[in-house]
């Protein structure tokens, strides 16, 4: 589930700086460990947002997705007029 949500967020333009989840069936001790991991991941997220941390390894994915979405919106500009104008104003569509 974490990978699916992470991919969805990346498709929408977000950078991923980590993720953590817990399986209740693993027991309360394991769950407590995951809480600690979640707190550390939360601190990393806050730091990344405050400092606008770049994630260069994700830039290729974002560039390809931007190209793909721009082509999709261009091809459907009659039904996606708002999206077309928005991307054109951003310089993503010529």
N, C-alpha and C. Protein backbone atom coordinates (compact mmCIF):
# COMPACT_ATOMS: atom_id res chain seq x y z
N UNK A 1 0.82 -1.18 0.00
CA UNK A 1 0.00 0.00 0.00
C UNK A 1 0.87 1.26 0.00
N UNK A 2 1.98 1.21 0.73
CA UNK A 2 2.87 2.38 0.79
C UNK A 2 3.43 2.68 -0.59
N UNK A 3 3.86 1.64 -1.30
CA UNK A 3 4.41 1.84 -2.65
C UNK A 3 3.35 2.40 -3.60
N UNK A 4 2.12 1.90 -3.50
CA UNK A 4 1.03 2.38 -4.35
C UNK A 4 0.75 3.87 -4.09
N UNK A 5 0.61 4.23 -2.82
CA UNK A 5 0.35 5.63 -2.48
C UNK A 5 1.52 6.52 -2.87
N UNK A 6 2.75 6.03 -2.66
CA UNK A 6 3.92 6.79 -3.04
C UNK A 6 3.96 7.05 -4.53
N UNK A 7 3.65 6.02 -5.32
CA UNK A 7 3.63 6.19 -6.77
C UNK A 7 2.55 7.18 -7.18
N UNK A 8 1.38 7.08 -6.57
CA UNK A 8 0.29 8.00 -6.88
C UNK A 8 0.70 9.44 -6.59
N UNK A 9 1.33 9.66 -5.46
CA UNK A 9 1.79 11.01 -5.12
C UNK A 9 2.85 11.50 -6.10
N UNK A 10 3.74 10.60 -6.52
CA UNK A 10 4.77 11.01 -7.49
C UNK A 10 4.14 11.36 -8.83
N UNK A 11 3.14 10.62 -9.25
CA UNK A 11 2.44 10.93 -10.50
C UNK A 11 1.84 12.33 -10.41
N UNK A 12 1.39 12.71 -9.23
CA UNK A 12 0.81 14.04 -9.03
C UNK A 12 1.87 15.12 -8.82
N UNK A 13 3.16 14.74 -8.82
CA UNK A 13 4.24 15.72 -8.75
C UNK A 13 4.97 15.80 -7.43
N UNK A 14 4.62 14.98 -6.47
CA UNK A 14 5.28 15.03 -5.16
C UNK A 14 6.59 14.25 -5.17
N UNK A 15 7.53 14.67 -4.35
CA UNK A 15 8.75 13.89 -4.09
C UNK A 15 8.49 13.01 -2.88
N UNK A 16 9.05 11.83 -2.89
CA UNK A 16 8.91 10.91 -1.76
C UNK A 16 10.20 10.92 -0.95
N UNK A 17 10.05 11.01 0.36
CA UNK A 17 11.23 11.01 1.23
C UNK A 17 11.19 9.84 2.22
N UNK A 18 10.29 8.90 1.99
CA UNK A 18 10.22 7.72 2.84
C UNK A 18 8.79 7.30 3.08
N UNK A 19 8.64 6.23 3.81
CA UNK A 19 7.31 5.73 4.12
C UNK A 19 7.42 4.66 5.20
N UNK A 20 6.35 4.47 5.92
CA UNK A 20 6.34 3.45 6.96
C UNK A 20 4.90 2.98 7.15
N UNK A 21 4.76 1.72 7.48
CA UNK A 21 3.44 1.15 7.73
C UNK A 21 3.54 0.09 8.81
N UNK A 22 2.41 -0.37 9.27
CA UNK A 22 2.38 -1.38 10.33
C UNK A 22 1.31 -2.42 10.04
N UNK A 23 1.63 -3.65 10.40
CA UNK A 23 0.67 -4.75 10.28
C UNK A 23 0.28 -5.14 11.70
N UNK A 24 -0.96 -4.92 12.03
CA UNK A 24 -1.41 -5.18 13.40
C UNK A 24 -1.18 -6.63 13.81
N UNK A 25 -1.26 -7.56 12.87
CA UNK A 25 -1.10 -8.98 13.19
C UNK A 25 0.31 -9.34 13.65
N UNK A 26 1.27 -8.44 13.45
CA UNK A 26 2.65 -8.70 13.87
C UNK A 26 2.84 -8.53 15.37
N UNK A 27 1.84 -8.03 16.04
CA UNK A 27 1.91 -7.90 17.50
C UNK A 27 2.24 -6.49 17.96
N UNK A 28 2.00 -6.26 19.24
CA UNK A 28 2.14 -4.92 19.79
C UNK A 28 3.59 -4.45 19.86
N UNK A 29 4.53 -5.36 20.07
CA UNK A 29 5.94 -4.95 20.14
C UNK A 29 6.40 -4.42 18.78
N UNK A 30 6.05 -5.14 17.73
CA UNK A 30 6.42 -4.70 16.38
C UNK A 30 5.70 -3.39 16.03
N UNK A 31 4.45 -3.28 16.48
CA UNK A 31 3.69 -2.06 16.24
C UNK A 31 4.37 -0.87 16.91
N UNK A 32 4.86 -1.05 18.13
CA UNK A 32 5.56 0.02 18.84
C UNK A 32 6.83 0.44 18.09
N UNK A 33 7.54 -0.53 17.50
CA UNK A 33 8.72 -0.21 16.70
C UNK A 33 8.33 0.65 15.50
N UNK A 34 7.22 0.31 14.89
CA UNK A 34 6.76 1.07 13.73
C UNK A 34 6.36 2.49 14.11
N UNK A 35 5.83 2.68 15.29
CA UNK A 35 5.49 4.03 15.75
C UNK A 35 6.76 4.87 15.82
N UNK A 36 7.82 4.30 16.34
CA UNK A 36 9.09 5.01 16.42
C UNK A 36 9.60 5.35 15.01
N UNK A 37 9.50 4.40 14.09
CA UNK A 37 9.91 4.64 12.70
C UNK A 37 9.05 5.74 12.07
N UNK A 38 7.76 5.73 12.38
CA UNK A 38 6.85 6.74 11.83
C UNK A 38 7.23 8.14 12.33
N UNK A 39 7.59 8.23 13.60
CA UNK A 39 8.00 9.53 14.15
C UNK A 39 9.26 10.04 13.46
N UNK A 40 10.23 9.15 13.23
CA UNK A 40 11.47 9.55 12.54
C UNK A 40 11.17 9.96 11.10
N UNK A 41 10.28 9.21 10.44
CA UNK A 41 9.91 9.55 9.07
C UNK A 41 9.19 10.89 9.02
N UNK A 42 8.34 11.15 10.01
CA UNK A 42 7.65 12.43 10.11
C UNK A 42 8.63 13.58 10.28
N UNK A 43 9.64 13.38 11.09
CA UNK A 43 10.67 14.42 11.28
C UNK A 43 11.41 14.67 9.97
N UNK A 44 11.71 13.59 9.24
CA UNK A 44 12.37 13.71 7.94
C UNK A 44 11.49 14.50 6.97
N UNK A 45 10.20 14.22 6.98
CA UNK A 45 9.26 14.93 6.10
C UNK A 45 9.21 16.41 6.43
N UNK A 46 9.11 16.74 7.70
CA UNK A 46 9.08 18.15 8.12
C UNK A 46 10.37 18.85 7.68
N UNK A 47 11.50 18.20 7.88
CA UNK A 47 12.78 18.77 7.47
C UNK A 47 12.81 18.99 5.96
N UNK A 48 12.34 18.00 5.21
CA UNK A 48 12.36 18.11 3.74
C UNK A 48 11.48 19.26 3.25
N UNK A 49 10.33 19.42 3.87
CA UNK A 49 9.42 20.50 3.48
C UNK A 49 10.01 21.86 3.84
N UNK A 50 10.49 21.98 5.06
CA UNK A 50 11.04 23.27 5.51
C UNK A 50 12.26 23.69 4.69
N UNK A 51 13.09 22.73 4.33
CA UNK A 51 14.33 23.04 3.63
C UNK A 51 14.26 22.84 2.12
N UNK A 52 13.04 22.48 1.64
CA UNK A 52 12.85 22.24 0.20
C UNK A 52 13.94 21.30 -0.32
N UNK A 53 14.11 20.19 0.38
CA UNK A 53 15.13 19.21 0.04
C UNK A 53 14.90 18.66 -1.36
N UNK A 54 15.91 18.76 -2.23
CA UNK A 54 15.76 18.19 -3.57
C UNK A 54 15.99 16.67 -3.55
N UNK A 55 15.31 15.99 -4.40
CA UNK A 55 15.49 14.54 -4.58
C UNK A 55 15.79 14.29 -6.05
N UNK A 56 17.06 14.50 -6.45
CA UNK A 56 17.43 14.44 -7.87
C UNK A 56 17.12 13.08 -8.52
N UNK A 57 17.13 12.02 -7.73
CA UNK A 57 16.85 10.70 -8.31
C UNK A 57 15.40 10.57 -8.77
N UNK A 58 14.54 11.50 -8.35
CA UNK A 58 13.13 11.47 -8.75
C UNK A 58 12.82 12.44 -9.88
N UNK A 59 13.79 13.27 -10.25
CA UNK A 59 13.56 14.30 -11.28
C UNK A 59 13.26 13.70 -12.64
N UNK A 60 13.91 12.60 -12.99
CA UNK A 60 13.67 11.96 -14.30
C UNK A 60 12.21 11.49 -14.37
N UNK A 61 11.74 10.87 -13.30
CA UNK A 61 10.35 10.42 -13.27
C UNK A 61 9.40 11.60 -13.46
N UNK A 62 9.64 12.70 -12.73
CA UNK A 62 8.77 13.87 -12.84
C UNK A 62 8.82 14.48 -14.24
N UNK A 63 9.99 14.53 -14.84
CA UNK A 63 10.12 15.09 -16.20
C UNK A 63 9.34 14.24 -17.20
N UNK A 64 9.46 12.93 -17.09
CA UNK A 64 8.73 12.04 -18.00
C UNK A 64 7.22 12.15 -17.78
N UNK A 65 6.81 12.23 -16.53
CA UNK A 65 5.38 12.36 -16.24
C UNK A 65 4.84 13.69 -16.75
N UNK A 66 5.61 14.76 -16.60
CA UNK A 66 5.20 16.07 -17.10
C UNK A 66 5.03 16.02 -18.62
N UNK A 67 5.98 15.37 -19.30
CA UNK A 67 5.90 15.24 -20.75
C UNK A 67 4.67 14.42 -21.16
N UNK A 68 4.44 13.32 -20.46
CA UNK A 68 3.30 12.46 -20.76
C UNK A 68 1.98 13.19 -20.54
N UNK A 69 1.85 13.86 -19.40
CA UNK A 69 0.60 14.56 -19.09
C UNK A 69 0.37 15.75 -20.03
N UNK A 70 1.44 16.44 -20.40
CA UNK A 70 1.32 17.55 -21.34
C UNK A 70 0.82 17.06 -22.69
N UNK A 71 1.34 15.93 -23.15
CA UNK A 71 0.90 15.36 -24.42
C UNK A 71 -0.55 14.91 -24.32
N UNK A 72 -0.93 14.31 -23.21
CA UNK A 72 -2.30 13.86 -23.00
C UNK A 72 -3.28 15.03 -23.00
N UNK A 73 -2.93 16.09 -22.30
CA UNK A 73 -3.79 17.26 -22.24
C UNK A 73 -3.85 17.96 -23.60
N UNK A 74 -2.73 18.04 -24.29
CA UNK A 74 -2.71 18.66 -25.63
C UNK A 74 -3.62 17.90 -26.60
N UNK A 75 -3.55 16.58 -26.54
CA UNK A 75 -4.35 15.76 -27.43
C UNK A 75 -5.85 15.89 -27.12
N UNK A 76 -6.16 16.27 -25.90
CA UNK A 76 -7.56 16.38 -25.48
C UNK A 76 -7.93 17.80 -25.08
N UNK A 77 -7.29 18.78 -25.72
CA UNK A 77 -7.47 20.18 -25.31
C UNK A 77 -8.91 20.67 -25.46
N UNK A 78 -9.69 20.05 -26.32
CA UNK A 78 -11.08 20.47 -26.48
C UNK A 78 -11.91 20.13 -25.23
N UNK A 79 -11.63 18.99 -24.61
CA UNK A 79 -12.38 18.59 -23.42
C UNK A 79 -11.65 18.93 -22.13
N UNK A 80 -10.37 19.32 -22.24
CA UNK A 80 -9.58 19.67 -21.06
C UNK A 80 -9.06 21.10 -21.20
N UNK A 81 -9.96 22.01 -21.51
CA UNK A 81 -9.57 23.39 -21.80
C UNK A 81 -8.87 24.06 -20.62
N UNK A 82 -9.39 23.88 -19.44
CA UNK A 82 -8.79 24.51 -18.26
C UNK A 82 -7.37 23.97 -18.04
N UNK A 83 -7.21 22.65 -18.09
CA UNK A 83 -5.91 22.04 -17.89
C UNK A 83 -4.93 22.47 -18.98
N UNK A 84 -5.43 22.57 -20.23
CA UNK A 84 -4.58 22.99 -21.34
C UNK A 84 -4.06 24.41 -21.11
N UNK A 85 -4.93 25.33 -20.74
CA UNK A 85 -4.52 26.71 -20.50
C UNK A 85 -3.55 26.80 -19.32
N UNK A 86 -3.82 26.03 -18.29
CA UNK A 86 -2.94 26.03 -17.11
C UNK A 86 -1.54 25.58 -17.49
N UNK A 87 -1.42 24.47 -18.20
CA UNK A 87 -0.11 23.96 -18.59
C UNK A 87 0.57 24.86 -19.60
N UNK A 88 -0.21 25.46 -20.47
CA UNK A 88 0.36 26.39 -21.45
C UNK A 88 0.94 27.61 -20.74
N UNK A 89 0.21 28.13 -19.76
CA UNK A 89 0.69 29.29 -18.99
C UNK A 89 1.94 28.96 -18.18
N UNK A 90 2.10 27.72 -17.77
CA UNK A 90 3.29 27.30 -17.04
C UNK A 90 4.49 27.05 -17.96
N UNK A 91 4.22 27.04 -19.26
CA UNK A 91 5.30 26.80 -20.23
C UNK A 91 5.53 25.32 -20.50
N UNK A 92 4.63 24.48 -20.07
CA UNK A 92 4.81 23.04 -20.29
C UNK A 92 4.28 22.61 -21.65
N UNK A 93 3.44 23.47 -22.26
CA UNK A 93 2.91 23.22 -23.59
C UNK A 93 3.20 24.46 -24.41
N UNK A 94 3.70 24.25 -25.61
CA UNK A 94 4.01 25.41 -26.49
C UNK A 94 2.86 25.72 -27.40
